[in-house]
N, C-alpha and C. Protein backbone atom coordinates (compact mmCIF):
# COMPACT_ATOMS: atom_id res chain seq x y z
N MET A 1 18.59 29.32 2.55
CA MET A 1 18.29 28.93 1.33
C MET A 1 19.45 29.26 0.58
N THR A 2 19.95 28.27 -0.34
CA THR A 2 21.05 28.67 -1.42
C THR A 2 20.56 28.30 -2.83
N ARG A 3 20.48 29.51 -3.83
CA ARG A 3 19.88 29.35 -4.81
C ARG A 3 21.10 29.63 -6.11
N LYS A 4 21.14 28.85 -7.12
CA LYS A 4 22.02 28.88 -8.06
C LYS A 4 21.24 29.08 -9.21
N ILE A 5 21.85 29.78 -10.22
CA ILE A 5 21.17 29.92 -11.66
C ILE A 5 21.46 28.85 -12.39
N VAL A 6 20.50 28.27 -13.21
CA VAL A 6 20.55 27.30 -13.97
C VAL A 6 21.02 27.79 -15.36
N LYS A 7 19.89 28.67 -15.94
CA LYS A 7 20.30 29.32 -17.06
C LYS A 7 19.71 30.61 -17.12
N ARG A 8 19.95 31.71 -17.82
CA ARG A 8 19.30 32.84 -17.59
C ARG A 8 18.08 32.83 -18.82
N SER A 9 17.29 33.79 -18.46
CA SER A 9 16.04 34.31 -19.51
C SER A 9 15.69 35.60 -19.16
N PRO A 10 15.32 36.43 -20.10
CA PRO A 10 15.21 37.68 -19.77
C PRO A 10 13.29 37.93 -19.47
N HIS A 11 12.56 36.81 -19.34
CA HIS A 11 11.53 36.86 -19.18
C HIS A 11 11.24 36.05 -17.75
N ARG A 12 12.04 35.23 -17.31
CA ARG A 12 11.84 34.50 -16.18
C ARG A 12 12.89 34.20 -15.32
N GLU A 13 12.67 33.74 -14.10
CA GLU A 13 13.71 33.27 -13.14
C GLU A 13 14.02 31.85 -13.29
N VAL A 14 14.98 31.26 -13.45
CA VAL A 14 15.28 29.66 -13.84
C VAL A 14 16.47 29.48 -12.49
N GLY A 15 16.07 28.82 -11.55
CA GLY A 15 17.24 28.24 -10.50
C GLY A 15 16.88 27.13 -9.85
N VAL A 16 17.52 26.93 -8.60
CA VAL A 16 17.21 25.83 -7.64
C VAL A 16 17.01 26.38 -6.27
N ILE A 17 16.20 25.71 -5.62
CA ILE A 17 16.12 25.87 -4.09
C ILE A 17 16.75 24.64 -3.32
N ASN A 18 17.61 25.00 -2.32
CA ASN A 18 18.29 23.90 -1.54
C ASN A 18 17.49 24.08 -0.26
N ALA A 19 17.03 22.96 -0.03
CA ALA A 19 16.22 22.85 1.46
C ALA A 19 16.69 21.80 2.09
N ALA A 20 18.16 21.82 2.36
CA ALA A 20 18.85 20.37 2.90
C ALA A 20 18.20 19.98 4.18
N TRP A 21 17.65 21.11 5.03
CA TRP A 21 17.05 20.58 6.23
C TRP A 21 15.74 19.74 6.22
N LEU A 22 15.50 19.27 4.97
CA LEU A 22 14.01 18.54 4.77
C LEU A 22 14.37 17.83 3.30
N LEU A 23 15.14 18.03 2.55
CA LEU A 23 15.45 17.26 1.19
C LEU A 23 16.68 17.14 0.98
N ASP A 24 16.83 15.64 0.32
CA ASP A 24 18.36 15.30 0.25
C ASP A 24 19.01 15.88 -1.18
N HIS A 25 18.19 16.47 -1.92
CA HIS A 25 18.38 17.15 -3.31
C HIS A 25 17.81 18.54 -3.43
N SER A 26 18.38 18.97 -4.35
CA SER A 26 17.68 20.60 -4.79
C SER A 26 16.40 20.36 -5.37
N VAL A 27 15.76 21.37 -5.63
CA VAL A 27 14.67 21.33 -6.57
C VAL A 27 14.68 22.55 -7.36
N GLU A 28 14.55 22.45 -8.94
CA GLU A 28 14.61 23.31 -9.55
C GLU A 28 13.30 23.95 -10.08
N HIS A 29 13.46 25.37 -10.50
CA HIS A 29 12.21 25.94 -10.82
C HIS A 29 12.33 26.86 -12.19
N GLU A 30 11.39 27.00 -12.98
CA GLU A 30 11.43 27.68 -14.27
C GLU A 30 10.85 28.99 -14.25
N SER A 31 10.42 29.69 -13.24
CA SER A 31 9.73 30.97 -12.89
C SER A 31 9.72 31.29 -11.70
N HIS A 32 9.23 32.69 -11.43
CA HIS A 32 9.01 33.25 -10.10
C HIS A 32 8.07 32.34 -9.45
N LEU A 33 6.67 32.31 -10.18
CA LEU A 33 5.74 31.42 -9.68
C LEU A 33 6.03 30.20 -9.07
N GLU A 34 6.83 29.41 -9.98
CA GLU A 34 7.12 27.97 -9.47
C GLU A 34 7.86 28.21 -8.14
N ARG A 35 8.89 29.13 -8.13
CA ARG A 35 9.81 29.39 -7.03
C ARG A 35 8.87 29.43 -5.63
N ARG A 36 7.72 30.19 -5.66
CA ARG A 36 7.17 30.51 -4.74
C ARG A 36 6.27 29.36 -4.36
N PHE A 37 5.98 28.57 -5.50
CA PHE A 37 5.10 27.48 -4.95
C PHE A 37 5.84 26.43 -4.14
N VAL A 38 7.18 26.28 -4.51
CA VAL A 38 8.19 25.32 -3.89
C VAL A 38 8.26 25.76 -2.42
N ILE A 39 8.56 26.99 -2.34
CA ILE A 39 8.35 27.72 -0.87
C ILE A 39 7.45 27.26 0.00
N ALA A 40 6.15 27.43 -0.68
CA ALA A 40 4.88 27.10 0.18
C ALA A 40 4.63 25.73 0.29
N ALA A 41 5.02 24.82 -0.56
CA ALA A 41 5.20 23.49 -0.57
C ALA A 41 5.95 22.96 0.46
N LEU A 42 7.17 23.29 0.48
CA LEU A 42 8.12 22.92 1.54
C LEU A 42 7.69 22.94 3.13
N ALA A 43 6.84 24.18 3.24
CA ALA A 43 6.32 24.52 4.65
C ALA A 43 5.15 23.60 5.04
N CYS A 44 4.57 22.79 4.04
CA CYS A 44 3.56 22.04 4.20
C CYS A 44 3.84 20.80 5.17
N PRO A 45 3.47 20.58 6.20
CA PRO A 45 4.00 19.47 7.10
C PRO A 45 3.79 17.82 6.63
N VAL A 46 3.13 17.61 5.60
CA VAL A 46 2.76 16.33 5.02
C VAL A 46 3.70 15.97 3.95
N VAL A 47 4.40 17.04 3.40
CA VAL A 47 5.35 16.85 2.22
C VAL A 47 6.63 16.22 2.53
N LYS A 48 6.95 15.35 1.92
CA LYS A 48 8.09 14.23 2.28
C LYS A 48 9.21 14.71 0.90
N ASP A 49 8.75 14.64 -0.24
CA ASP A 49 9.73 15.13 -1.32
C ASP A 49 8.77 16.14 -2.49
N ILE A 50 9.90 16.60 -3.14
CA ILE A 50 9.33 17.47 -4.19
C ILE A 50 10.28 17.32 -5.46
N VAL A 51 9.58 17.17 -6.67
CA VAL A 51 10.47 16.60 -7.90
C VAL A 51 10.12 17.67 -9.17
N HIS A 52 10.98 18.10 -9.59
CA HIS A 52 10.62 18.96 -10.53
C HIS A 52 10.65 18.41 -11.99
N GLN A 53 9.85 18.59 -12.85
CA GLN A 53 9.42 17.73 -13.91
C GLN A 53 9.84 16.34 -14.04
N PRO A 54 8.85 15.50 -13.38
CA PRO A 54 9.06 14.30 -13.19
C PRO A 54 8.78 13.33 -14.11
N VAL A 55 8.07 13.60 -15.12
CA VAL A 55 7.77 12.83 -16.33
C VAL A 55 7.29 13.54 -17.32
N THR A 56 7.48 13.02 -18.72
CA THR A 56 7.14 13.57 -19.92
C THR A 56 6.08 12.43 -20.49
N LEU A 57 4.93 13.03 -20.72
CA LEU A 57 3.82 12.23 -21.28
C LEU A 57 3.48 12.30 -22.52
N SER A 58 3.00 11.37 -23.54
CA SER A 58 2.28 11.51 -24.55
C SER A 58 0.99 11.90 -24.40
N LEU A 59 0.36 12.95 -24.85
CA LEU A 59 -0.93 13.39 -24.68
C LEU A 59 -1.75 13.04 -25.67
N PRO A 60 -2.64 12.22 -25.49
CA PRO A 60 -3.76 11.94 -26.52
C PRO A 60 -5.04 12.77 -26.39
N GLY A 61 -5.74 12.80 -27.75
CA GLY A 61 -7.08 13.56 -27.67
C GLY A 61 -6.98 15.16 -28.32
N GLY A 62 -5.82 15.37 -28.64
CA GLY A 62 -5.69 16.64 -29.45
C GLY A 62 -5.85 16.60 -30.73
N GLU A 63 -5.59 17.73 -31.86
CA GLU A 63 -5.65 17.48 -32.82
C GLU A 63 -4.39 17.02 -33.77
N LYS A 64 -3.34 17.02 -32.71
CA LYS A 64 -2.01 16.62 -33.26
C LYS A 64 -1.35 15.80 -31.93
N PRO A 65 -0.44 14.96 -32.18
CA PRO A 65 0.35 14.62 -30.81
C PRO A 65 0.87 15.54 -30.09
N GLU A 66 0.74 15.36 -28.70
CA GLU A 66 1.51 16.45 -28.02
C GLU A 66 2.18 15.64 -26.67
N ARG A 67 3.33 16.45 -26.34
CA ARG A 67 4.34 16.24 -25.29
C ARG A 67 3.74 16.90 -24.00
N TYR A 68 3.67 16.26 -22.89
CA TYR A 68 3.39 17.37 -21.93
C TYR A 68 4.27 16.80 -20.47
N THR A 69 4.96 17.83 -20.10
CA THR A 69 5.98 17.92 -18.89
C THR A 69 5.43 18.55 -17.74
N PRO A 70 4.53 18.01 -16.65
CA PRO A 70 4.07 18.44 -15.63
C PRO A 70 5.12 19.13 -14.81
N ASP A 71 4.92 20.20 -13.98
CA ASP A 71 6.09 21.10 -13.32
C ASP A 71 6.44 20.33 -11.94
N PHE A 72 5.77 19.62 -11.31
CA PHE A 72 6.28 18.98 -9.98
C PHE A 72 5.27 17.69 -9.86
N LYS A 73 6.08 16.69 -9.01
CA LYS A 73 5.55 15.75 -8.11
C LYS A 73 5.80 15.91 -6.85
N ILE A 74 4.70 15.79 -5.91
CA ILE A 74 4.75 15.97 -4.62
C ILE A 74 4.58 14.86 -3.87
N ALA A 75 5.48 14.23 -3.07
CA ALA A 75 5.19 13.13 -2.56
C ALA A 75 4.95 13.34 -0.83
N PHE A 76 3.79 12.51 -0.53
CA PHE A 76 3.55 12.62 0.96
C PHE A 76 4.01 11.76 2.05
N ASN A 77 3.97 12.11 3.07
CA ASN A 77 4.68 11.24 4.36
C ASN A 77 3.75 9.96 4.48
N ASP A 78 2.42 9.94 3.67
CA ASP A 78 1.49 8.66 3.89
C ASP A 78 1.66 7.81 2.92
N GLY A 79 2.74 7.87 2.04
CA GLY A 79 3.02 7.47 0.83
C GLY A 79 2.33 7.64 -0.26
N ASP A 80 1.26 8.63 -0.58
CA ASP A 80 0.79 9.07 -1.53
C ASP A 80 1.31 9.97 -2.19
N SER A 81 0.87 10.54 -3.43
CA SER A 81 1.78 11.69 -4.14
C SER A 81 0.62 12.34 -4.94
N VAL A 82 1.21 13.56 -5.66
CA VAL A 82 0.05 14.37 -6.74
C VAL A 82 1.16 14.89 -7.66
N ILE A 83 0.79 14.62 -8.92
CA ILE A 83 1.37 15.55 -10.11
C ILE A 83 0.64 17.00 -9.99
N VAL A 84 1.55 18.20 -10.02
CA VAL A 84 1.27 19.64 -9.88
C VAL A 84 1.56 20.13 -11.04
N GLU A 85 0.79 21.09 -11.79
CA GLU A 85 0.84 22.16 -12.75
C GLU A 85 0.69 23.34 -11.92
N VAL A 86 1.76 24.24 -12.09
CA VAL A 86 1.79 25.39 -11.80
C VAL A 86 1.61 26.77 -12.77
N LYS A 87 0.36 27.42 -12.60
CA LYS A 87 0.05 28.41 -13.83
C LYS A 87 -0.62 29.48 -13.29
N PRO A 88 -0.61 30.67 -13.73
CA PRO A 88 -1.05 31.70 -13.52
C PRO A 88 -2.54 31.57 -13.98
N GLU A 89 -3.32 32.26 -12.91
CA GLU A 89 -4.89 31.91 -13.16
C GLU A 89 -5.39 32.62 -14.22
N VAL A 90 -4.74 33.59 -14.89
CA VAL A 90 -4.95 34.35 -16.03
C VAL A 90 -4.94 33.34 -17.31
N PHE A 91 -4.23 32.34 -17.18
CA PHE A 91 -4.21 31.46 -18.33
C PHE A 91 -4.99 30.15 -18.26
N LEU A 92 -5.52 29.91 -17.22
CA LEU A 92 -6.42 28.85 -17.09
C LEU A 92 -7.32 28.44 -18.26
N LYS A 93 -8.05 29.68 -18.54
CA LYS A 93 -9.05 29.51 -19.66
C LYS A 93 -8.47 28.76 -21.00
N LYS A 94 -7.47 29.67 -21.27
CA LYS A 94 -6.49 29.15 -22.77
C LYS A 94 -6.21 27.80 -22.57
N HIS A 95 -5.62 27.49 -21.41
CA HIS A 95 -5.21 26.04 -21.46
C HIS A 95 -6.17 24.95 -20.88
N GLU A 96 -7.59 25.35 -20.48
CA GLU A 96 -8.62 24.49 -19.96
C GLU A 96 -8.63 22.86 -20.44
N GLU A 97 -8.58 22.92 -21.90
CA GLU A 97 -9.14 21.89 -22.35
C GLU A 97 -7.88 20.69 -22.39
N LYS A 98 -6.64 21.53 -22.44
CA LYS A 98 -5.42 20.50 -22.38
C LYS A 98 -5.48 20.11 -21.06
N LEU A 99 -5.42 20.86 -19.89
CA LEU A 99 -5.38 20.41 -18.61
C LEU A 99 -6.48 19.42 -18.33
N LYS A 100 -7.70 19.44 -18.94
CA LYS A 100 -8.58 18.26 -18.65
C LYS A 100 -8.17 17.02 -19.04
N ARG A 101 -7.60 17.12 -20.27
CA ARG A 101 -6.79 15.80 -20.89
C ARG A 101 -5.80 15.13 -20.18
N VAL A 102 -4.92 16.19 -19.57
CA VAL A 102 -3.95 15.74 -18.80
C VAL A 102 -4.79 14.96 -17.60
N GLU A 103 -5.54 15.62 -17.06
CA GLU A 103 -6.06 15.18 -15.77
C GLU A 103 -6.81 13.83 -15.89
N ARG A 104 -7.54 13.64 -17.04
CA ARG A 104 -8.10 12.36 -17.48
C ARG A 104 -6.94 11.17 -17.41
N LEU A 105 -6.01 11.36 -18.43
CA LEU A 105 -4.88 10.58 -18.76
C LEU A 105 -4.21 10.22 -17.38
N LEU A 106 -3.94 11.18 -16.44
CA LEU A 106 -3.30 10.80 -15.28
C LEU A 106 -4.26 10.11 -14.23
N HIS A 107 -5.41 10.33 -14.05
CA HIS A 107 -6.54 9.63 -13.30
C HIS A 107 -6.52 8.18 -13.89
N ALA A 108 -6.59 8.08 -15.18
CA ALA A 108 -6.65 6.72 -15.90
C ALA A 108 -5.54 5.88 -15.45
N ASP A 109 -4.21 6.44 -15.02
CA ASP A 109 -3.12 5.72 -14.95
C ASP A 109 -3.24 5.76 -13.13
N GLY A 110 -4.03 6.02 -12.53
CA GLY A 110 -4.39 5.77 -11.07
C GLY A 110 -3.30 6.96 -10.22
N GLN A 111 -3.14 8.25 -10.98
CA GLN A 111 -2.40 9.48 -10.49
C GLN A 111 -3.28 10.71 -10.18
N ARG A 112 -2.99 11.24 -9.08
CA ARG A 112 -3.78 12.42 -8.65
C ARG A 112 -2.99 13.62 -9.45
N TYR A 113 -3.90 14.62 -9.81
CA TYR A 113 -3.41 15.87 -10.38
C TYR A 113 -4.02 17.08 -9.84
N LEU A 114 -3.39 18.04 -9.77
CA LEU A 114 -3.66 19.54 -9.45
C LEU A 114 -3.11 20.46 -10.18
N VAL A 115 -3.84 21.54 -10.28
CA VAL A 115 -3.54 22.72 -10.88
C VAL A 115 -3.42 23.77 -9.86
N ILE A 116 -2.43 24.43 -9.51
CA ILE A 116 -2.43 25.39 -8.55
C ILE A 116 -1.71 26.83 -8.89
N THR A 117 -2.65 27.47 -8.52
CA THR A 117 -2.38 28.94 -9.61
C THR A 117 -1.63 30.00 -8.63
N ASP A 118 -1.47 31.07 -9.05
CA ASP A 118 -0.91 32.28 -8.54
C ASP A 118 -1.70 32.78 -7.22
N LYS A 119 -3.08 32.60 -7.68
CA LYS A 119 -3.99 33.17 -6.53
C LYS A 119 -3.83 32.14 -5.24
N LEU A 120 -3.62 30.75 -5.55
CA LEU A 120 -3.55 30.01 -4.23
C LEU A 120 -2.27 30.05 -3.76
N ILE A 121 -1.25 30.25 -4.40
CA ILE A 121 0.13 30.51 -3.90
C ILE A 121 0.31 31.56 -3.20
N ASP A 122 -0.12 32.83 -3.55
CA ASP A 122 -0.12 33.91 -2.74
C ASP A 122 -1.00 34.10 -1.84
N GLY A 123 -2.22 33.60 -1.88
CA GLY A 123 -3.35 33.86 -1.27
C GLY A 123 -3.01 33.86 0.21
N GLN A 124 -3.55 34.91 0.83
CA GLN A 124 -3.17 35.14 2.32
C GLN A 124 -1.64 35.27 2.59
N ALA A 125 -0.83 35.61 1.55
CA ALA A 125 0.66 35.77 1.76
C ALA A 125 1.29 34.28 2.13
N LEU A 126 0.87 33.34 1.56
CA LEU A 126 1.17 32.01 2.13
C LEU A 126 2.59 31.79 1.70
N ALA A 127 3.25 32.12 0.34
CA ALA A 127 4.44 31.96 0.16
C ALA A 127 5.47 32.80 0.85
N THR A 128 5.12 34.08 1.33
CA THR A 128 5.50 35.10 2.06
C THR A 128 5.90 34.47 3.15
N ARG A 129 4.93 33.96 4.08
CA ARG A 129 5.13 33.34 5.23
C ARG A 129 5.88 32.19 5.20
N ALA A 130 5.65 31.42 4.18
CA ALA A 130 6.70 30.19 4.07
C ALA A 130 8.16 30.61 4.03
N LEU A 131 8.42 31.70 3.17
CA LEU A 131 9.64 32.01 3.04
C LEU A 131 10.27 32.32 4.44
N LEU A 132 9.41 33.18 5.18
CA LEU A 132 10.14 33.46 6.58
C LEU A 132 10.57 32.07 7.45
N LEU A 133 9.42 30.98 7.23
CA LEU A 133 9.74 29.60 7.78
C LEU A 133 11.24 29.12 7.48
N MET A 134 11.15 29.30 6.21
CA MET A 134 12.24 28.61 5.55
C MET A 134 13.71 29.22 6.07
N ARG A 135 13.55 30.36 6.51
CA ARG A 135 14.95 30.92 6.84
C ARG A 135 15.25 30.24 8.44
N TYR A 136 14.10 30.02 9.09
CA TYR A 136 14.47 29.08 10.28
C TYR A 136 14.97 27.88 9.80
N GLY A 137 14.67 27.13 9.05
CA GLY A 137 15.07 25.97 8.40
C GLY A 137 16.37 25.61 8.18
N ARG A 138 16.96 27.09 7.58
CA ARG A 138 18.64 26.91 7.43
C ARG A 138 19.34 27.08 8.58
N LEU A 139 18.71 27.21 9.79
CA LEU A 139 19.62 27.27 10.91
C LEU A 139 20.20 25.95 11.42
N ARG A 140 21.32 25.90 12.15
CA ARG A 140 21.52 24.60 12.57
C ARG A 140 21.53 24.41 13.80
N PHE A 141 21.07 23.27 14.29
CA PHE A 141 21.35 22.90 15.70
C PHE A 141 21.58 21.70 15.75
N THR A 142 22.25 20.80 16.81
CA THR A 142 22.62 19.59 16.87
C THR A 142 21.60 18.59 17.05
N ASP A 143 21.64 17.37 16.67
CA ASP A 143 20.67 16.36 17.03
C ASP A 143 20.23 16.34 18.52
N GLU A 144 20.89 16.52 19.28
CA GLU A 144 20.86 16.54 21.07
C GLU A 144 19.83 17.60 21.12
N GLU A 145 20.19 19.00 20.69
CA GLU A 145 19.39 19.94 20.74
C GLU A 145 17.92 19.83 20.42
N ALA A 146 17.79 19.12 19.27
CA ALA A 146 16.47 19.02 18.71
C ALA A 146 15.86 17.98 19.42
N LEU A 147 16.50 16.96 19.98
CA LEU A 147 15.66 16.06 20.54
C LEU A 147 15.09 16.33 22.02
N GLU A 148 16.30 17.26 22.58
CA GLU A 148 15.95 17.37 23.97
C GLU A 148 14.58 18.58 23.82
N CYS A 149 14.68 19.34 22.71
CA CYS A 149 13.47 20.42 22.58
C CYS A 149 12.19 19.66 22.39
N LEU A 150 12.21 18.74 21.55
CA LEU A 150 11.16 17.88 21.18
C LEU A 150 10.54 17.01 22.41
N GLN A 151 11.58 16.52 23.13
CA GLN A 151 11.01 15.81 24.29
C GLN A 151 10.11 16.75 25.35
N THR A 152 10.75 17.92 25.40
CA THR A 152 10.27 19.01 26.44
C THR A 152 9.01 19.49 25.81
N MET A 153 8.49 19.70 24.38
CA MET A 153 7.47 20.04 24.08
C MET A 153 6.33 18.97 24.21
N ARG A 154 6.88 17.71 23.87
CA ARG A 154 5.75 16.58 24.15
C ARG A 154 5.41 16.47 25.82
N ARG A 155 6.27 16.90 26.36
CA ARG A 155 6.10 16.67 28.12
C ARG A 155 5.09 18.13 28.49
N VAL A 156 5.32 18.99 27.91
CA VAL A 156 4.58 20.23 28.30
C VAL A 156 3.38 20.65 27.57
N CYS A 157 3.31 19.73 26.53
CA CYS A 157 2.03 20.22 25.41
C CYS A 157 0.94 19.11 25.71
N GLU A 158 -0.18 19.62 25.46
CA GLU A 158 -1.35 18.81 25.49
C GLU A 158 -1.96 18.83 24.08
N GLY A 159 -1.37 18.44 23.28
CA GLY A 159 -1.49 18.45 21.72
C GLY A 159 -1.15 19.71 21.07
N ASP A 160 -1.30 20.94 21.50
CA ASP A 160 -0.73 22.03 20.89
C ASP A 160 -0.58 23.06 22.03
N THR A 161 0.27 24.30 21.80
CA THR A 161 0.63 25.18 22.96
C THR A 161 1.48 26.25 22.08
N SER A 162 1.21 27.46 22.56
CA SER A 162 2.04 28.68 21.78
C SER A 162 3.29 28.64 21.92
N ILE A 163 4.06 29.18 21.09
CA ILE A 163 5.49 29.47 20.98
C ILE A 163 5.98 30.21 22.25
N LYS A 164 5.05 31.14 22.70
CA LYS A 164 5.39 31.91 23.94
C LYS A 164 5.46 31.16 25.03
N ALA A 165 4.61 30.10 25.29
CA ALA A 165 4.45 29.44 26.38
C ALA A 165 5.61 28.20 26.31
N LEU A 166 6.32 27.95 25.26
CA LEU A 166 7.40 26.96 24.73
C LEU A 166 8.64 27.75 25.45
N VAL A 167 8.58 29.16 25.01
CA VAL A 167 9.89 29.70 25.41
C VAL A 167 9.80 30.03 26.97
N SER A 168 8.72 30.00 27.75
CA SER A 168 8.59 30.29 28.84
C SER A 168 9.40 29.11 29.61
N GLN A 169 9.09 27.92 28.99
CA GLN A 169 9.66 26.55 29.56
C GLN A 169 11.21 26.61 29.40
N GLY A 170 11.85 27.78 28.98
CA GLY A 170 13.24 27.77 28.39
C GLY A 170 13.73 27.19 27.27
N LEU A 171 12.59 26.88 26.34
CA LEU A 171 13.20 26.50 24.90
C LEU A 171 13.45 27.87 24.07
N SER A 172 14.08 27.29 23.40
CA SER A 172 14.75 28.37 22.05
C SER A 172 13.55 28.54 20.95
N GLU A 173 13.23 29.77 20.83
CA GLU A 173 12.05 29.96 19.93
C GLU A 173 12.80 29.70 18.39
N PRO A 174 14.16 30.16 17.78
CA PRO A 174 14.63 29.76 16.50
C PRO A 174 14.69 28.13 16.24
N LEU A 175 14.87 27.42 17.63
CA LEU A 175 14.86 26.05 17.43
C LEU A 175 13.37 25.41 17.17
N ILE A 176 12.61 26.01 18.00
CA ILE A 176 11.19 25.55 17.86
C ILE A 176 10.82 25.65 16.25
N TRP A 177 10.96 27.00 15.59
CA TRP A 177 10.66 27.20 14.25
C TRP A 177 11.67 26.28 13.38
N ASN A 178 12.78 26.09 13.48
CA ASN A 178 13.44 25.14 12.99
C ASN A 178 12.76 23.56 12.82
N LEU A 179 12.39 23.35 13.89
CA LEU A 179 11.68 22.00 14.24
C LEU A 179 10.26 21.86 13.18
N VAL A 180 9.83 23.33 13.27
CA VAL A 180 8.38 23.20 12.40
C VAL A 180 8.90 23.03 10.98
N ALA A 181 9.95 23.95 10.53
CA ALA A 181 10.27 23.96 9.15
C ALA A 181 10.71 22.45 8.66
N ARG A 182 11.53 21.73 9.78
CA ARG A 182 11.83 20.27 9.32
C ARG A 182 10.70 19.24 9.62
N HIS A 183 9.24 19.87 9.87
CA HIS A 183 8.35 18.85 10.07
C HIS A 183 8.18 18.08 11.25
N GLN A 184 9.16 18.37 12.24
CA GLN A 184 9.37 17.45 13.21
C GLN A 184 7.99 18.00 14.45
N CYS A 185 7.45 19.10 14.17
CA CYS A 185 6.00 19.62 14.77
C CYS A 185 5.29 20.39 13.60
N ARG A 186 4.34 20.92 13.89
CA ARG A 186 3.84 21.62 12.79
C ARG A 186 2.70 22.95 13.11
N VAL A 187 2.50 23.61 12.28
CA VAL A 187 1.75 24.75 12.26
C VAL A 187 0.62 24.68 11.30
N PRO A 188 -0.70 25.27 11.73
CA PRO A 188 -1.48 25.18 10.46
C PRO A 188 -1.38 26.28 9.15
N ALA A 189 -2.07 26.09 8.09
CA ALA A 189 -1.85 26.80 6.83
C ALA A 189 -1.86 28.33 7.26
N ASP A 190 -2.65 28.99 7.94
CA ASP A 190 -2.73 30.42 8.44
C ASP A 190 -1.61 30.72 9.39
N PHE A 191 -0.87 29.92 9.42
CA PHE A 191 0.40 30.43 10.43
C PHE A 191 0.94 31.80 10.39
N SER A 192 1.41 32.31 11.67
CA SER A 192 2.19 33.49 11.63
C SER A 192 3.29 33.06 12.42
N VAL A 193 4.45 33.72 11.72
CA VAL A 193 5.67 33.48 12.25
C VAL A 193 5.86 34.56 13.51
N ASP A 194 5.51 34.27 14.57
CA ASP A 194 5.41 35.15 15.65
C ASP A 194 5.17 34.43 17.18
N ALA A 195 5.43 34.98 18.27
CA ALA A 195 5.30 34.18 19.73
C ALA A 195 4.02 33.83 19.88
N ASP A 196 3.12 34.37 19.27
CA ASP A 196 1.51 33.81 19.85
C ASP A 196 1.10 32.66 18.82
N GLN A 197 1.88 32.11 17.88
CA GLN A 197 1.37 31.08 17.16
C GLN A 197 1.67 29.65 18.05
N ARG A 198 0.37 28.97 17.41
CA ARG A 198 0.26 27.72 18.49
C ARG A 198 0.95 26.58 17.44
N VAL A 199 1.64 25.64 18.10
CA VAL A 199 2.32 24.57 17.54
C VAL A 199 1.79 23.15 17.77
N PHE A 200 1.77 22.54 17.05
CA PHE A 200 1.10 21.15 17.13
C PHE A 200 2.03 20.13 17.18
N ILE A 201 2.16 19.33 18.27
CA ILE A 201 3.23 18.28 18.21
C ILE A 201 2.66 16.57 17.87
N ASP A 202 1.28 16.52 17.45
CA ASP A 202 1.04 15.41 16.67
C ASP A 202 0.83 15.35 15.35
N PRO A 203 1.12 14.25 14.60
CA PRO A 203 1.17 14.06 13.17
C PRO A 203 -0.20 14.45 12.49
N VAL A 204 -0.22 14.86 11.40
CA VAL A 204 -1.25 15.18 10.24
C VAL A 204 -1.97 13.87 10.24
N LYS A 205 -3.62 13.68 10.68
CA LYS A 205 -4.38 12.36 10.31
C LYS A 205 -5.26 12.71 9.36
N GLY A 206 -5.37 11.42 8.88
CA GLY A 206 -6.48 11.61 7.46
C GLY A 206 -5.51 11.69 6.30
N ASP A 207 -6.23 11.83 4.89
CA ASP A 207 -5.66 11.74 3.63
C ASP A 207 -4.53 12.91 3.80
N HIS A 208 -3.31 12.69 3.36
CA HIS A 208 -2.41 13.77 3.28
C HIS A 208 -2.39 14.66 1.99
N HIS A 209 -3.18 13.93 0.83
CA HIS A 209 -3.39 14.71 -0.50
C HIS A 209 -4.23 15.74 -0.12
N ASP A 210 -5.61 15.41 0.79
CA ASP A 210 -6.63 16.63 1.03
C ASP A 210 -5.93 17.67 1.95
N TYR A 211 -5.08 17.07 2.99
CA TYR A 211 -4.43 18.03 3.81
C TYR A 211 -3.51 19.18 2.82
N PHE A 212 -2.95 18.60 1.87
CA PHE A 212 -2.17 19.25 0.95
C PHE A 212 -3.01 20.29 0.50
N LYS A 213 -4.03 19.90 -0.27
CA LYS A 213 -4.90 20.96 -1.04
C LYS A 213 -5.58 21.85 -0.07
N SER A 214 -5.80 21.61 1.02
CA SER A 214 -6.43 22.49 2.25
C SER A 214 -5.33 23.62 2.45
N TRP A 215 -4.14 22.91 2.40
CA TRP A 215 -2.75 24.11 2.85
C TRP A 215 -2.97 25.23 1.77
N PHE A 216 -3.30 24.96 0.29
CA PHE A 216 -3.27 25.98 -0.38
C PHE A 216 -4.84 26.52 -0.77
N GLY A 217 -5.71 26.20 0.24
CA GLY A 217 -7.10 26.72 0.22
C GLY A 217 -8.12 26.16 -0.76
N ILE A 218 -7.57 24.86 -1.15
CA ILE A 218 -8.56 24.16 -2.27
C ILE A 218 -9.56 23.23 -1.38
N GLU A 219 -10.54 23.32 -1.66
CA GLU A 219 -11.71 22.52 -0.92
C GLU A 219 -11.66 21.10 -1.57
N ALA A 220 -12.04 20.06 -0.57
CA ALA A 220 -11.88 18.66 -0.93
C ALA A 220 -13.29 18.64 -1.86
N ARG A 221 -13.18 17.65 -3.08
CA ARG A 221 -14.45 17.39 -3.82
C ARG A 221 -14.98 15.93 -3.54
C-alpha cells in the first residue's frame, strides 16, 4: 500500500490508499476511521470498486436546506452497490435524524444505504487482519504463476481447504494470500492470516450486499 498525503489537518488523517492489485484508481479517505473502513472493505471478496464521496445530495426535511456528501460508494461483483456513511458510534445519536432522512432519500431513489461505525470496523480486529492481507496484495507475481496456483487449488480442493494443505502440494503461501487479496479465492470474515486458515475457491452465492453487511457483522433485516 502506498499512501500520499492530500492535505494536512491537526485533527485527522487525510490521504489515499492505492490498492493496485484490485482497483485501477486510488481511494481517498478523510480520517483514520475511513482509512480502516477502506482497508476492511478491500478484503471483502464481493467488493468490486470503492469510490470516495461519490455524490452530493440536496437533503430535504430539515429546518433549512442541507447538502450531504456520503463517504463512499461500494460496488459489488453482482452489479449491485451501496452508499456508505462511516461514523464513530458515539456520534450516531447526535446525527440520527439526519441519517434517517438520508436513508429515506436514497431508498426513494432505489439506492441502498449503510452506516458503518468504528465498532463494526474494528470489531474482532477486522481492520487489523485486513491490513495484514493487504500486505500480501502488494506482492507481485506473474500471471502464469497465479494461473498455475489457481489451477492446482481447483484440482486439490473440494470447495475449501487449509493453507497448510495447499502448501503441502508445493504451492506458495504468499501467492495463495495474494490471490485471496485479489479476490481470486476467498476467506470468511473471521479469517486469520495463518497456515490453518481454510480457503474457498468457489464464488460467493446470493446477495452480495447482504454478504458485505455480514462481513462487518451487520445482521440482515
